[in-house]
C-alpha atoms as a PDB file:
ATOM      1  CA  VAL A   1       0.039  -0.066  -0.078  1.00  0.00           C
ATOM      2  CA  LYS A   2       1.328   3.206  -0.917  1.00  0.00           C
ATOM      3  CA  LEU A   3       0.132   6.975  -0.152  1.00  0.00           C
ATOM      4  CA  VAL A   4       0.558   9.614  -2.611  1.00  0.00           C
ATOM      5  CA  GLU A   5      -0.287  13.363  -1.615  1.00  0.00           C
ATOM      6  CA  SER A   6      -1.177  16.499  -3.757  1.00  0.00           C
ATOM      7  CA  GLY A   7      -2.888  19.712  -3.480  1.00  0.00           C
ATOM      8  CA  GLY A   8       0.343  21.569  -1.021  1.00  0.00           C
ATOM      9  CA  GLY A   9       1.161  25.452  -2.169  1.00  0.00           C
ATOM     10  CA  LEU A  10       2.155  28.471  -1.572  1.00  0.00           C
ATOM     11  CA  VAL A  11      -1.375  30.587  -0.752  1.00  0.00           C
ATOM     12  CA  GLN A  12      -2.109  34.390   1.353  1.00  0.00           C
ATOM     13  CA  ALA A  13      -3.547  34.305   4.403  1.00  0.00           C
ATOM     14  CA  GLY A  14      -7.214  33.615   4.410  1.00  0.00           C
ATOM     15  CA  GLU A  15      -7.253  31.252   1.319  1.00  0.00           C
ATOM     16  CA  SER A  16      -7.907  28.186   0.853  1.00  0.00           C
ATOM     17  CA  LEU A  17      -6.218  25.002  -0.008  1.00  0.00           C
ATOM     18  CA  ARG A  18      -7.572  21.349  -0.058  1.00  0.00           C
ATOM     19  CA  LEU A  19      -5.008  18.432  -0.006  1.00  0.00           C
ATOM     20  CA  SER A  20      -5.524  15.189  -1.173  1.00  0.00           C
ATOM     21  CA  CYS A  21      -4.166  11.822  -0.484  1.00  0.00           C
ATOM     22  CA  VAL A  22      -4.802   8.308  -2.311  1.00  0.00           C
ATOM     23  CA  ALA A  23      -4.064   4.829  -1.087  1.00  0.00           C
ATOM     24  CA  SER A  24      -3.273   2.885  -3.861  1.00  0.00           C
ATOM     25  CA  GLY A  25      -1.931  -0.985  -3.932  1.00  0.00           C
ATOM     26  CA  SER A  26      -3.571  -4.022  -2.299  1.00  0.00           C
ATOM     27  CA  VAL A  27      -6.476  -2.071  -0.232  1.00  0.00           C
ATOM     28  CA  VAL A  28      -9.171  -4.307   1.713  1.00  0.00           C
ATOM     29  CA  SER A  29     -10.531  -1.805   3.950  1.00  0.00           C
ATOM     30  CA  ILE A  30      -9.682   1.651   5.986  1.00  0.00           C
ATOM     31  CA  ASN A  31     -10.626   2.327   8.846  1.00  0.00           C
ATOM     32  CA  LYS A  32      -8.393   5.148  10.351  1.00  0.00           C
ATOM     33  CA  TRP A  33      -7.197   8.468   7.835  1.00  0.00           C
ATOM     34  CA  ALA A  34      -5.643  11.443   9.902  1.00  0.00           C
ATOM     35  CA  TRP A  35      -3.537  14.924   8.841  1.00  0.00           C
ATOM     36  CA  TRP A  36      -0.630  15.453  10.688  1.00  0.00           C
ATOM     37  CA  ARG A  37       1.744  18.487   9.797  1.00  0.00           C
ATOM     38  CA  GLN A  38       4.839  20.046  10.488  1.00  0.00           C
ATOM     39  CA  ALA A  39       6.002  23.081  11.430  1.00  0.00           C
ATOM     40  CA  PRO A  40       9.917  23.929  11.018  1.00  0.00           C
ATOM     41  CA  GLY A  41      11.906  23.145  13.917  1.00  0.00           C
ATOM     42  CA  LYS A  42       8.957  21.664  15.266  1.00  0.00           C
ATOM     43  CA  GLU A  43       7.468  18.177  16.042  1.00  0.00           C
ATOM     44  CA  ARG A  44       4.913  16.353  14.053  1.00  0.00           C
ATOM     45  CA  ASP A  45       1.244  17.485  15.669  1.00  0.00           C
ATOM     46  CA  LEU A  46      -2.124  15.455  14.729  1.00  0.00           C
ATOM     47  CA  ILE A  47      -4.321  17.942  13.406  1.00  0.00           C
ATOM     48  CA  ALA A  48      -7.353  15.927  12.079  1.00  0.00           C
ATOM     49  CA  SER A  49      -8.348  12.261  11.987  1.00  0.00           C
ATOM     50  CA  ILE A  50     -11.434  10.544  10.939  1.00  0.00           C
ATOM     51  CA  THR A  51     -12.185   6.670  12.229  1.00  0.00           C
ATOM     52  CA  ASN A  52     -14.624   4.365  11.128  1.00  0.00           C
ATOM     53  CA  GLY A  53     -15.822   6.959   8.086  1.00  0.00           C
ATOM     54  CA  ALA A  54     -17.673   8.777  10.887  1.00  0.00           C
ATOM     55  CA  ASP A  55     -15.370  10.134  14.109  1.00  0.00           C
ATOM     56  CA  GLN A  56     -13.847  13.400  13.362  1.00  0.00           C
ATOM     57  CA  ASN A  57     -11.496  15.223  15.318  1.00  0.00           C
ATOM     58  CA  TYR A  58      -9.899  18.275  15.210  1.00  0.00           C
ATOM     59  CA  ALA A  59      -6.858  20.107  17.020  1.00  0.00           C
ATOM     60  CA  ASP A  60      -8.015  23.247  18.426  1.00  0.00           C
ATOM     61  CA  SER A  61      -5.827  25.782  16.132  1.00  0.00           C
ATOM     62  CA  VAL A  62      -7.664  24.349  12.882  1.00  0.00           C
ATOM     63  CA  ASN A  63     -11.145  23.560  14.626  1.00  0.00           C
ATOM     64  CA  GLY A  64     -14.053  25.409  12.352  1.00  0.00           C
ATOM     65  CA  ARG A  65     -11.413  25.790   9.839  1.00  0.00           C
ATOM     66  CA  PHE A  66     -10.391  22.868   8.185  1.00  0.00           C
ATOM     67  CA  THR A  67     -12.526  19.429   7.546  1.00  0.00           C
ATOM     68  CA  ILE A  68     -11.438  16.395   6.585  1.00  0.00           C
ATOM     69  CA  SER A  69     -13.514  14.164   4.586  1.00  0.00           C
ATOM     70  CA  THR A  70     -12.881  10.865   2.622  1.00  0.00           C
ATOM     71  CA  ASP A  71     -14.130   8.786  -0.177  1.00  0.00           C
ATOM     72  CA  ASN A  72     -14.255   5.530   0.560  1.00  0.00           C
ATOM     73  CA  ALA A  73     -14.931   4.153  -3.394  1.00  0.00           C
ATOM     74  CA  LYS A  74     -11.677   6.144  -4.399  1.00  0.00           C
ATOM     75  CA  ASN A  75      -9.401   4.642  -0.795  1.00  0.00           C
ATOM     76  CA  ALA A  76      -8.974   9.074  -0.554  1.00  0.00           C
ATOM     77  CA  VAL A  77      -8.816  11.316   2.454  1.00  0.00           C
ATOM     78  CA  TYR A  78      -8.888  15.308   2.338  1.00  0.00           C
ATOM     79  CA  LEU A  79      -8.367  17.952   4.358  1.00  0.00           C
ATOM     80  CA  GLN A  80     -10.381  21.565   2.666  1.00  0.00           C
ATOM     81  CA  MET A  81      -8.124  24.168   4.596  1.00  0.00           C
ATOM     82  CA  ASN A  82     -10.114  27.511   4.658  1.00  0.00           C
ATOM     83  CA  ASN A  83      -8.971  31.211   6.224  1.00  0.00           C
ATOM     84  CA  LEU A  84      -5.527  29.892   6.069  1.00  0.00           C
ATOM     85  CA  LYS A  85      -2.865  31.389   8.774  1.00  0.00           C
ATOM     86  CA  PRO A  86       0.947  32.155   8.441  1.00  0.00           C
ATOM     87  CA  GLU A  87       0.988  29.904  11.523  1.00  0.00           C
ATOM     88  CA  ASP A  88      -0.504  26.872   9.520  1.00  0.00           C
ATOM     89  CA  THR A  89       2.536  26.886   7.373  1.00  0.00           C
ATOM     90  CA  ALA A  90       4.226  23.231   7.515  1.00  0.00           C
ATOM     91  CA  VAL A  91       4.455  20.124   5.654  1.00  0.00           C
ATOM     92  CA  TYR A  92       1.176  18.410   6.017  1.00  0.00           C
ATOM     93  CA  TYR A  93       1.534  14.369   5.901  1.00  0.00           C
ATOM     94  CA  CYS A  94      -1.488  12.254   5.327  1.00  0.00           C
ATOM     95  CA  PHE A  95      -1.662   9.044   7.437  1.00  0.00           C
ATOM     96  CA  THR A  96      -4.361   6.006   7.120  1.00  0.00           C
ATOM     97  CA  ARG A  97      -4.087   2.456   9.212  1.00  0.00           C
ATOM     98  CA  GLY A  98      -6.263  -0.551   7.439  1.00  0.00           C
ATOM     99  CA  TYR A  99      -6.042  -4.001   6.096  1.00  0.00           C
ATOM    100  CA  SER A 100      -4.588  -4.890   2.781  1.00  0.00           C
ATOM    101  CA  ASP A 101      -4.681  -8.906   0.804  1.00  0.00           C
ATOM    102  CA  SER A 102      -0.801  -8.752   3.198  1.00  0.00           C
ATOM    103  CA  GLY A 103      -2.478  -8.118   6.437  1.00  0.00           C
ATOM    104  CA  ASN A 104      -2.882  -4.686   8.465  1.00  0.00           C
ATOM    105  CA  PHE A 105      -1.048  -1.855   7.716  1.00  0.00           C
ATOM    106  CA  ALA A 106      -0.093   1.529   8.383  1.00  0.00           C
ATOM    107  CA  LYS A 107       1.286   4.181   6.230  1.00  0.00           C
ATOM    108  CA  TRP A 108       2.363   7.634   5.855  1.00  0.00           C
ATOM    109  CA  GLY A 109       2.028   9.253   2.530  1.00  0.00           C
ATOM    110  CA  GLN A 110       5.761  11.601   1.337  1.00  0.00           C
ATOM    111  CA  GLY A 111       4.546  14.851   2.648  1.00  0.00           C
ATOM    112  CA  THR A 112       3.440  18.320   0.629  1.00  0.00           C
ATOM    113  CA  GLN A 113       4.204  21.784   1.544  1.00  0.00           C
ATOM    114  CA  VAL A 114       1.864  24.398   2.286  1.00  0.00           C
ATOM    115  CA  THR A 115       3.212  28.016   2.705  1.00  0.00           C
ATOM    116  CA  VAL A 116       0.794  30.555   3.811  1.00  0.00           C
ATOM    117  CA  SER A 117       1.831  34.395   3.479  1.00  0.00           C
ATOM    118  CA  ALA A 118       0.933  37.200   5.734  1.00  0.00           C
END
C-alpha cells in the first residue's frame, strides 16, 4: 500500500487549499485516516482524523477552519483548509491504517508543503 499526497502550495492569508491523499495497492479496508503537520523546528502534530468513516476529531488550532473527508470508493482522504493563517505553514502528512491482502498496514504519505504568506 502506498500513499500519494497532492494539493499543497503557496497562498496568502485568508485563502483556501484542499489537500488530497490517495492509497493505492491491495487495500481491503481502511479504518482510520489522519492529517498531521510539521512546521520547521517543531514536532509533527496531529491536526485532524476520521475513524471508521464517521468519528472526526480536530486540533483546537484548526477546528472550524479545516475539514477532513473521505471517499471510500477512491481510498482517498481530503483536507479542506479555509481561512489559512501564516502559522499554518508546515509540511502536511497524511496517515492511514487499515487492512490489505497482506495483512494490517499503517502508512504515511510523502508530505506536501503548505506555505501561507501574511
